[in-house]
Amino acid sequence: MLSDTHVPKRARALPAQVVAAVDDADVVIHAGDWVDDPTLDLLEERSRRLIGVWGNNDGPSLRRRLPEVARADLGGLRFAVVHETGPATGREQRCERDFADADVPVFGHSHIPWDTVAPGGLRLLNPGSPTDRRRQPFCTYLTAEVADGRLTDVRLVPLPR
């Protein structure tokens, strides 16, 4: 899972480790703020399956190619992908309201990794950013396993500085 790649504004290209992870993944989820079409092109070419949305920094070209919200059933779980979910305070409650038909919302925007379970059981994930750590110690992305209606082995992967 990726978000906030911001290429070429925050990095010239995706880190090689991220590209290798894309090559290995069965499904790649990108929660917006691609910034340039070549990054979308690259992930479309290299991914077995790509689920992506546009973010607030994505212009008209990317918005024509991507939805604001994407939904997918993966391994018996219902995923919803969106760029922005609002402030951290109240996020779980808003997501339970806004994504009542999902099991796992994946979001971005903050560049802050997030992994919580809302009171109703909704699992919220934000992979951070692989190119712009902002106030975080590392740039990051997420990996996970999905099978038989279960999300397992969720790992936040830090990238070398």
N, C-alpha and C. Protein backbone atom coordinates (compact mmCIF):
# COMPACT_ATOMS: atom_id res chain seq x y z
N MET A 1 0.85 -1.16 0.00
CA MET A 1 0.00 0.00 0.00
C MET A 1 0.90 1.24 0.00
N LEU A 2 0.53 2.18 -0.86
CA LEU A 2 1.28 3.42 -1.02
C LEU A 2 0.33 4.60 -0.94
N SER A 3 0.91 5.75 -0.67
CA SER A 3 0.19 7.00 -0.79
C SER A 3 1.20 8.12 -0.86
N ASP A 4 0.76 9.25 -1.35
CA ASP A 4 1.56 10.47 -1.29
C ASP A 4 2.96 10.29 -1.86
N THR A 5 3.03 9.77 -3.08
CA THR A 5 4.33 9.58 -3.72
C THR A 5 4.92 10.90 -4.21
N HIS A 6 4.11 11.85 -4.59
CA HIS A 6 4.56 13.21 -4.91
C HIS A 6 5.76 13.26 -5.85
N VAL A 7 5.78 12.39 -6.85
CA VAL A 7 6.87 12.42 -7.84
C VAL A 7 6.44 13.35 -8.97
N PRO A 8 7.26 14.26 -9.41
CA PRO A 8 8.68 14.50 -9.11
C PRO A 8 8.92 15.62 -8.09
N LYS A 9 7.90 16.07 -7.37
CA LYS A 9 8.09 17.21 -6.46
C LYS A 9 8.89 16.85 -5.21
N ARG A 10 8.65 15.69 -4.62
CA ARG A 10 9.35 15.30 -3.39
C ARG A 10 10.48 14.31 -3.64
N ALA A 11 10.45 13.66 -4.78
CA ALA A 11 11.51 12.72 -5.17
C ALA A 11 11.51 12.65 -6.69
N ARG A 12 12.66 12.33 -7.26
CA ARG A 12 12.73 12.22 -8.72
C ARG A 12 12.00 10.99 -9.22
N ALA A 13 12.00 9.94 -8.38
CA ALA A 13 11.36 8.67 -8.76
C ALA A 13 11.02 7.91 -7.49
N LEU A 14 10.22 6.87 -7.64
CA LEU A 14 9.95 6.00 -6.50
C LEU A 14 11.23 5.28 -6.09
N PRO A 15 11.45 5.06 -4.80
CA PRO A 15 12.63 4.31 -4.37
C PRO A 15 12.63 2.90 -4.97
N ALA A 16 13.82 2.40 -5.27
CA ALA A 16 13.95 1.06 -5.87
C ALA A 16 13.29 -0.01 -5.02
N GLN A 17 13.37 0.11 -3.69
CA GLN A 17 12.74 -0.87 -2.81
C GLN A 17 11.23 -0.89 -3.00
N VAL A 18 10.63 0.27 -3.23
CA VAL A 18 9.18 0.35 -3.45
C VAL A 18 8.82 -0.30 -4.79
N VAL A 19 9.60 -0.03 -5.83
CA VAL A 19 9.35 -0.64 -7.14
C VAL A 19 9.47 -2.17 -7.04
N ALA A 20 10.45 -2.66 -6.31
CA ALA A 20 10.60 -4.11 -6.12
C ALA A 20 9.40 -4.68 -5.37
N ALA A 21 8.89 -3.97 -4.37
CA ALA A 21 7.71 -4.43 -3.63
C ALA A 21 6.48 -4.46 -4.54
N VAL A 22 6.37 -3.47 -5.42
CA VAL A 22 5.27 -3.45 -6.41
C VAL A 22 5.36 -4.69 -7.30
N ASP A 23 6.56 -5.00 -7.76
CA ASP A 23 6.75 -6.17 -8.62
C ASP A 23 6.34 -7.46 -7.92
N ASP A 24 6.54 -7.54 -6.61
CA ASP A 24 6.26 -8.76 -5.85
C ASP A 24 4.80 -8.88 -5.41
N ALA A 25 4.08 -7.78 -5.39
CA ALA A 25 2.72 -7.76 -4.82
C ALA A 25 1.68 -8.32 -5.78
N ASP A 26 0.68 -8.96 -5.23
CA ASP A 26 -0.46 -9.40 -6.02
C ASP A 26 -1.38 -8.22 -6.34
N VAL A 27 -1.50 -7.30 -5.38
CA VAL A 27 -2.33 -6.11 -5.54
C VAL A 27 -1.56 -4.92 -4.97
N VAL A 28 -1.59 -3.81 -5.68
CA VAL A 28 -1.00 -2.56 -5.19
C VAL A 28 -2.13 -1.56 -5.00
N ILE A 29 -2.16 -0.97 -3.82
CA ILE A 29 -3.15 0.07 -3.50
C ILE A 29 -2.39 1.38 -3.34
N HIS A 30 -2.87 2.42 -4.03
CA HIS A 30 -2.26 3.76 -3.92
C HIS A 30 -3.37 4.74 -3.56
N ALA A 31 -3.20 5.41 -2.41
CA ALA A 31 -4.25 6.29 -1.88
C ALA A 31 -4.05 7.75 -2.25
N GLY A 32 -3.56 8.01 -3.46
CA GLY A 32 -3.58 9.37 -3.99
C GLY A 32 -2.37 10.23 -3.73
N ASP A 33 -2.37 11.38 -4.38
CA ASP A 33 -1.25 12.32 -4.47
C ASP A 33 -0.06 11.68 -5.19
N TRP A 34 -0.36 11.26 -6.41
CA TRP A 34 0.68 10.76 -7.32
C TRP A 34 1.52 11.93 -7.81
N VAL A 35 0.83 12.99 -8.21
CA VAL A 35 1.32 14.26 -8.75
C VAL A 35 1.63 14.17 -10.24
N ASP A 36 2.25 13.08 -10.71
CA ASP A 36 2.54 13.00 -12.15
C ASP A 36 1.99 11.72 -12.77
N ASP A 37 1.65 11.81 -14.03
CA ASP A 37 1.13 10.66 -14.77
C ASP A 37 2.16 9.54 -14.93
N PRO A 38 3.45 9.84 -15.14
CA PRO A 38 4.41 8.73 -15.31
C PRO A 38 4.46 7.76 -14.12
N THR A 39 4.20 8.24 -12.91
CA THR A 39 4.19 7.32 -11.77
C THR A 39 2.99 6.38 -11.86
N LEU A 40 1.84 6.91 -12.24
CA LEU A 40 0.68 6.05 -12.47
C LEU A 40 0.97 5.07 -13.60
N ASP A 41 1.56 5.55 -14.69
CA ASP A 41 1.91 4.66 -15.81
C ASP A 41 2.82 3.53 -15.34
N LEU A 42 3.83 3.87 -14.55
CA LEU A 42 4.78 2.87 -14.05
C LEU A 42 4.07 1.81 -13.23
N LEU A 43 3.21 2.24 -12.30
CA LEU A 43 2.52 1.27 -11.46
C LEU A 43 1.51 0.45 -12.25
N GLU A 44 0.87 1.05 -13.24
CA GLU A 44 -0.04 0.28 -14.10
C GLU A 44 0.73 -0.80 -14.86
N GLU A 45 1.92 -0.47 -15.32
CA GLU A 45 2.73 -1.43 -16.08
C GLU A 45 3.27 -2.56 -15.21
N ARG A 46 3.65 -2.24 -13.98
CA ARG A 46 4.37 -3.21 -13.15
C ARG A 46 3.46 -3.98 -12.20
N SER A 47 2.27 -3.49 -11.93
CA SER A 47 1.37 -4.14 -10.97
C SER A 47 0.56 -5.24 -11.63
N ARG A 48 0.38 -6.33 -10.91
CA ARG A 48 -0.56 -7.35 -11.37
C ARG A 48 -1.98 -6.79 -11.33
N ARG A 49 -2.28 -6.03 -10.26
CA ARG A 49 -3.55 -5.34 -10.13
C ARG A 49 -3.29 -4.06 -9.35
N LEU A 50 -3.80 -2.96 -9.86
CA LEU A 50 -3.61 -1.66 -9.22
C LEU A 50 -4.97 -1.08 -8.86
N ILE A 51 -5.08 -0.64 -7.61
CA ILE A 51 -6.27 0.07 -7.14
C ILE A 51 -5.78 1.43 -6.67
N GLY A 52 -6.23 2.49 -7.33
CA GLY A 52 -5.73 3.81 -6.99
C GLY A 52 -6.82 4.86 -7.05
N VAL A 53 -6.56 5.97 -6.37
CA VAL A 53 -7.47 7.13 -6.35
C VAL A 53 -6.64 8.39 -6.54
N TRP A 54 -7.32 9.49 -6.85
CA TRP A 54 -6.63 10.77 -6.94
C TRP A 54 -6.64 11.46 -5.58
N GLY A 55 -5.65 12.34 -5.41
CA GLY A 55 -5.55 13.13 -4.18
C GLY A 55 -5.62 14.61 -4.47
N ASN A 56 -5.54 15.41 -3.44
CA ASN A 56 -5.71 16.86 -3.58
C ASN A 56 -4.62 17.52 -4.42
N ASN A 57 -3.45 16.89 -4.55
CA ASN A 57 -2.38 17.46 -5.38
C ASN A 57 -2.37 16.91 -6.80
N ASP A 58 -3.34 16.12 -7.14
CA ASP A 58 -3.40 15.52 -8.49
C ASP A 58 -4.26 16.38 -9.40
N GLY A 59 -3.69 16.69 -10.56
CA GLY A 59 -4.36 17.57 -11.51
C GLY A 59 -5.39 16.87 -12.37
N PRO A 60 -5.90 17.60 -13.37
CA PRO A 60 -7.00 17.10 -14.21
C PRO A 60 -6.70 15.77 -14.91
N SER A 61 -5.48 15.59 -15.36
CA SER A 61 -5.15 14.36 -16.09
C SER A 61 -5.31 13.13 -15.19
N LEU A 62 -4.77 13.20 -13.98
CA LEU A 62 -4.90 12.08 -13.06
C LEU A 62 -6.34 11.91 -12.60
N ARG A 63 -7.05 13.00 -12.41
CA ARG A 63 -8.44 12.91 -11.98
C ARG A 63 -9.33 12.29 -13.07
N ARG A 64 -8.94 12.44 -14.32
CA ARG A 64 -9.69 11.77 -15.39
C ARG A 64 -9.44 10.27 -15.38
N ARG A 65 -8.27 9.86 -14.96
CA ARG A 65 -7.87 8.46 -15.00
C ARG A 65 -8.24 7.67 -13.75
N LEU A 66 -8.45 8.36 -12.63
CA LEU A 66 -8.64 7.70 -11.35
C LEU A 66 -9.92 8.18 -10.67
N PRO A 67 -10.54 7.33 -9.86
CA PRO A 67 -11.71 7.78 -9.10
C PRO A 67 -11.30 8.51 -7.82
N GLU A 68 -12.24 9.19 -7.21
CA GLU A 68 -11.99 9.81 -5.90
C GLU A 68 -11.99 8.74 -4.80
N VAL A 69 -12.86 7.75 -4.95
CA VAL A 69 -12.95 6.62 -4.02
C VAL A 69 -12.97 5.35 -4.86
N ALA A 70 -12.17 4.38 -4.46
CA ALA A 70 -12.17 3.07 -5.13
C ALA A 70 -12.58 2.01 -4.11
N ARG A 71 -13.30 1.03 -4.58
CA ARG A 71 -13.73 -0.07 -3.72
C ARG A 71 -13.35 -1.37 -4.40
N ALA A 72 -12.90 -2.33 -3.57
CA ALA A 72 -12.51 -3.63 -4.12
C ALA A 72 -12.68 -4.70 -3.06
N ASP A 73 -13.10 -5.86 -3.51
CA ASP A 73 -13.15 -7.04 -2.65
C ASP A 73 -11.87 -7.82 -2.88
N LEU A 74 -11.11 -8.02 -1.81
CA LEU A 74 -9.84 -8.73 -1.89
C LEU A 74 -9.82 -9.81 -0.81
N GLY A 75 -9.70 -11.05 -1.22
CA GLY A 75 -9.58 -12.14 -0.25
C GLY A 75 -10.70 -12.22 0.76
N GLY A 76 -11.88 -11.77 0.37
CA GLY A 76 -13.02 -11.82 1.29
C GLY A 76 -13.17 -10.58 2.16
N LEU A 77 -12.34 -9.56 1.95
CA LEU A 77 -12.47 -8.29 2.66
C LEU A 77 -12.85 -7.19 1.69
N ARG A 78 -13.66 -6.26 2.18
CA ARG A 78 -14.08 -5.12 1.37
C ARG A 78 -13.19 -3.92 1.71
N PHE A 79 -12.42 -3.47 0.71
CA PHE A 79 -11.53 -2.34 0.86
C PHE A 79 -12.18 -1.10 0.24
N ALA A 80 -11.96 0.04 0.88
CA ALA A 80 -12.31 1.34 0.32
C ALA A 80 -11.04 2.17 0.35
N VAL A 81 -10.72 2.80 -0.77
CA VAL A 81 -9.50 3.60 -0.87
C VAL A 81 -9.92 5.04 -1.16
N VAL A 82 -9.36 5.96 -0.39
CA VAL A 82 -9.67 7.38 -0.53
C VAL A 82 -8.41 8.15 -0.11
N HIS A 83 -8.26 9.35 -0.59
CA HIS A 83 -7.07 10.10 -0.20
C HIS A 83 -7.20 10.73 1.18
N GLU A 84 -8.27 11.45 1.41
CA GLU A 84 -8.37 12.26 2.62
C GLU A 84 -9.56 11.84 3.46
N THR A 85 -9.35 11.75 4.77
CA THR A 85 -10.43 11.38 5.70
C THR A 85 -10.65 12.45 6.77
N GLY A 86 -9.98 13.59 6.65
CA GLY A 86 -10.16 14.65 7.64
C GLY A 86 -9.20 14.53 8.80
N PRO A 87 -9.42 15.34 9.85
CA PRO A 87 -8.50 15.36 10.99
C PRO A 87 -8.46 14.02 11.73
N ALA A 88 -7.35 13.80 12.44
CA ALA A 88 -7.19 12.55 13.19
C ALA A 88 -8.28 12.39 14.25
N THR A 89 -8.64 13.48 14.92
CA THR A 89 -9.68 13.42 15.93
C THR A 89 -11.02 13.07 15.26
N GLY A 90 -11.62 12.00 15.69
CA GLY A 90 -12.90 11.57 15.15
C GLY A 90 -12.81 10.74 13.88
N ARG A 91 -11.60 10.42 13.43
CA ARG A 91 -11.42 9.70 12.16
C ARG A 91 -12.14 8.34 12.16
N GLU A 92 -11.99 7.58 13.23
CA GLU A 92 -12.61 6.25 13.27
C GLU A 92 -14.13 6.35 13.11
N GLN A 93 -14.74 7.30 13.82
CA GLN A 93 -16.19 7.45 13.74
C GLN A 93 -16.63 7.91 12.35
N ARG A 94 -15.89 8.87 11.75
CA ARG A 94 -16.24 9.32 10.40
C ARG A 94 -16.12 8.19 9.40
N CYS A 95 -15.05 7.41 9.52
CA CYS A 95 -14.86 6.31 8.56
C CYS A 95 -15.91 5.22 8.74
N GLU A 96 -16.31 4.96 9.99
CA GLU A 96 -17.40 3.99 10.18
C GLU A 96 -18.69 4.48 9.53
N ARG A 97 -18.91 5.78 9.58
CA ARG A 97 -20.10 6.36 8.94
C ARG A 97 -19.95 6.37 7.41
N ASP A 98 -18.81 6.86 6.93
CA ASP A 98 -18.62 7.07 5.50
C ASP A 98 -18.31 5.79 4.72
N PHE A 99 -17.77 4.80 5.40
CA PHE A 99 -17.38 3.54 4.74
C PHE A 99 -18.02 2.35 5.43
N ALA A 100 -19.31 2.49 5.74
CA ALA A 100 -20.05 1.42 6.43
C ALA A 100 -20.07 0.13 5.63
N ASP A 101 -19.87 0.22 4.31
CA ASP A 101 -19.89 -0.96 3.45
C ASP A 101 -18.49 -1.56 3.26
N ALA A 102 -17.51 -1.10 4.05
CA ALA A 102 -16.13 -1.58 3.90
C ALA A 102 -15.66 -2.22 5.20
N ASP A 103 -14.62 -3.04 5.07
CA ASP A 103 -13.94 -3.61 6.23
C ASP A 103 -12.64 -2.87 6.52
N VAL A 104 -12.00 -2.38 5.44
CA VAL A 104 -10.68 -1.75 5.56
C VAL A 104 -10.61 -0.51 4.67
N PRO A 105 -10.74 0.68 5.25
CA PRO A 105 -10.44 1.89 4.49
C PRO A 105 -8.93 2.13 4.47
N VAL A 106 -8.41 2.46 3.31
CA VAL A 106 -7.01 2.83 3.14
C VAL A 106 -7.01 4.29 2.71
N PHE A 107 -6.23 5.11 3.39
CA PHE A 107 -6.23 6.55 3.09
C PHE A 107 -4.81 7.09 3.15
N GLY A 108 -4.65 8.33 2.74
CA GLY A 108 -3.35 8.99 2.74
C GLY A 108 -3.47 10.39 3.26
N HIS A 109 -2.86 11.32 2.56
CA HIS A 109 -2.91 12.77 2.77
C HIS A 109 -1.99 13.27 3.88
N SER A 110 -1.99 12.66 5.03
CA SER A 110 -1.23 13.18 6.17
C SER A 110 0.26 12.85 6.13
N HIS A 111 0.63 11.83 5.36
CA HIS A 111 2.00 11.30 5.34
C HIS A 111 2.35 10.64 6.68
N ILE A 112 1.38 10.44 7.53
CA ILE A 112 1.58 9.84 8.84
C ILE A 112 1.00 8.42 8.82
N PRO A 113 1.82 7.41 9.02
CA PRO A 113 1.29 6.04 9.06
C PRO A 113 0.21 5.91 10.14
N TRP A 114 -0.79 5.09 9.82
CA TRP A 114 -1.93 4.93 10.73
C TRP A 114 -2.43 3.50 10.62
N ASP A 115 -2.65 2.88 11.76
CA ASP A 115 -3.22 1.53 11.80
C ASP A 115 -4.02 1.42 13.08
N THR A 116 -5.33 1.59 12.94
CA THR A 116 -6.21 1.49 14.11
C THR A 116 -7.43 0.67 13.75
N VAL A 117 -8.11 0.24 14.80
CA VAL A 117 -9.38 -0.46 14.64
C VAL A 117 -10.44 0.40 15.33
N ALA A 118 -11.46 0.77 14.58
CA ALA A 118 -12.55 1.58 15.11
C ALA A 118 -13.41 0.73 16.04
N PRO A 119 -14.22 1.37 16.90
CA PRO A 119 -15.05 0.61 17.85
C PRO A 119 -15.93 -0.46 17.18
N GLY A 120 -16.38 -0.20 15.96
CA GLY A 120 -17.22 -1.17 15.26
C GLY A 120 -16.45 -2.25 14.53
N GLY A 121 -15.11 -2.24 14.61
CA GLY A 121 -14.29 -3.27 13.99
C GLY A 121 -13.64 -2.89 12.67
N LEU A 122 -13.91 -1.70 12.17
CA LEU A 122 -13.31 -1.22 10.93
C LEU A 122 -11.81 -1.02 11.13
N ARG A 123 -10.98 -1.57 10.23
CA ARG A 123 -9.51 -1.41 10.32
C ARG A 123 -9.10 -0.29 9.39
N LEU A 124 -8.49 0.77 9.90
CA LEU A 124 -8.07 1.93 9.12
C LEU A 124 -6.57 1.88 8.92
N LEU A 125 -6.14 2.05 7.66
CA LEU A 125 -4.72 2.00 7.32
C LEU A 125 -4.30 3.20 6.49
N ASN A 126 -3.16 3.77 6.86
CA ASN A 126 -2.50 4.81 6.07
C ASN A 126 -1.03 4.39 5.97
N PRO A 127 -0.52 4.21 4.74
CA PRO A 127 0.86 3.75 4.58
C PRO A 127 1.92 4.82 4.77
N GLY A 128 1.55 6.07 5.04
CA GLY A 128 2.54 7.14 5.08
C GLY A 128 2.96 7.49 3.67
N SER A 129 4.18 7.93 3.50
CA SER A 129 4.69 8.31 2.18
C SER A 129 6.07 7.69 1.96
N PRO A 130 6.32 7.12 0.77
CA PRO A 130 7.64 6.57 0.49
C PRO A 130 8.65 7.62 0.03
N THR A 131 8.20 8.87 -0.12
CA THR A 131 9.11 9.91 -0.66
C THR A 131 9.16 11.18 0.18
N ASP A 132 8.21 11.39 1.10
CA ASP A 132 8.15 12.63 1.86
C ASP A 132 7.72 12.33 3.29
N ARG A 133 8.71 12.17 4.16
CA ARG A 133 8.43 11.72 5.53
C ARG A 133 7.84 12.82 6.41
N ARG A 134 7.93 14.05 5.98
CA ARG A 134 7.50 15.22 6.78
C ARG A 134 8.09 15.10 8.19
N ARG A 135 7.27 15.01 9.21
CA ARG A 135 7.77 14.95 10.58
C ARG A 135 7.98 13.52 11.08
N GLN A 136 7.89 12.55 10.20
CA GLN A 136 8.08 11.16 10.59
C GLN A 136 9.56 10.78 10.55
N PRO A 137 9.97 9.77 11.30
CA PRO A 137 11.39 9.40 11.28
C PRO A 137 11.85 8.80 9.95
N PHE A 138 10.92 8.16 9.22
CA PHE A 138 11.27 7.50 7.97
C PHE A 138 10.15 7.68 6.95
N CYS A 139 10.50 7.57 5.68
CA CYS A 139 9.50 7.38 4.63
C CYS A 139 9.02 5.93 4.75
N THR A 140 7.77 5.66 4.37
CA THR A 140 7.20 4.33 4.62
C THR A 140 6.22 3.91 3.54
N TYR A 141 5.94 2.60 3.54
CA TYR A 141 4.81 2.01 2.83
C TYR A 141 4.34 0.83 3.66
N LEU A 142 3.20 0.26 3.32
CA LEU A 142 2.63 -0.87 4.07
C LEU A 142 2.57 -2.11 3.19
N THR A 143 2.76 -3.26 3.82
CA THR A 143 2.46 -4.53 3.18
C THR A 143 1.49 -5.29 4.08
N ALA A 144 0.73 -6.20 3.49
CA ALA A 144 -0.22 -7.00 4.26
C ALA A 144 -0.58 -8.26 3.49
N GLU A 145 -1.10 -9.21 4.20
CA GLU A 145 -1.64 -10.44 3.60
C GLU A 145 -3.15 -10.41 3.79
N VAL A 146 -3.88 -10.85 2.79
CA VAL A 146 -5.33 -10.94 2.86
C VAL A 146 -5.74 -12.31 2.36
N ALA A 147 -6.47 -13.04 3.20
CA ALA A 147 -6.96 -14.36 2.79
C ALA A 147 -8.11 -14.77 3.71
N ASP A 148 -9.06 -15.44 3.13
CA ASP A 148 -10.19 -15.99 3.90
C ASP A 148 -10.85 -14.95 4.79
N GLY A 149 -11.00 -13.74 4.25
CA GLY A 149 -11.68 -12.69 5.00
C GLY A 149 -10.89 -12.12 6.15
N ARG A 150 -9.58 -12.34 6.16
CA ARG A 150 -8.74 -11.84 7.25
C ARG A 150 -7.57 -11.03 6.71
N LEU A 151 -7.26 -9.97 7.42
CA LEU A 151 -6.09 -9.14 7.12
C LEU A 151 -5.02 -9.52 8.15
N THR A 152 -3.89 -10.01 7.65
CA THR A 152 -2.82 -10.45 8.55
C THR A 152 -1.49 -9.87 8.11
N ASP A 153 -0.53 -10.00 8.96
CA ASP A 153 0.85 -9.62 8.66
C ASP A 153 0.95 -8.20 8.09
N VAL A 154 0.23 -7.26 8.71
CA VAL A 154 0.31 -5.86 8.30
C VAL A 154 1.65 -5.32 8.80
N ARG A 155 2.45 -4.83 7.87
CA ARG A 155 3.78 -4.34 8.22
C ARG A 155 4.02 -2.95 7.65
N LEU A 156 4.44 -2.07 8.52
CA LEU A 156 4.89 -0.76 8.10
C LEU A 156 6.37 -0.91 7.73
N VAL A 157 6.70 -0.61 6.50
CA VAL A 157 8.07 -0.80 6.01
C VAL A 157 8.76 0.57 5.95
N PRO A 158 9.77 0.79 6.81
CA PRO A 158 10.53 2.03 6.73
C PRO A 158 11.56 1.96 5.62
N LEU A 159 11.76 3.06 4.95
CA LEU A 159 12.77 3.13 3.89
C LEU A 159 14.02 3.80 4.42
N PRO A 160 15.18 3.40 3.91
CA PRO A 160 16.41 4.06 4.37
C PRO A 160 16.38 5.54 4.04
N ARG A 161 16.99 6.32 4.89
CA ARG A 161 17.03 7.78 4.67
C ARG A 161 17.95 8.10 3.53
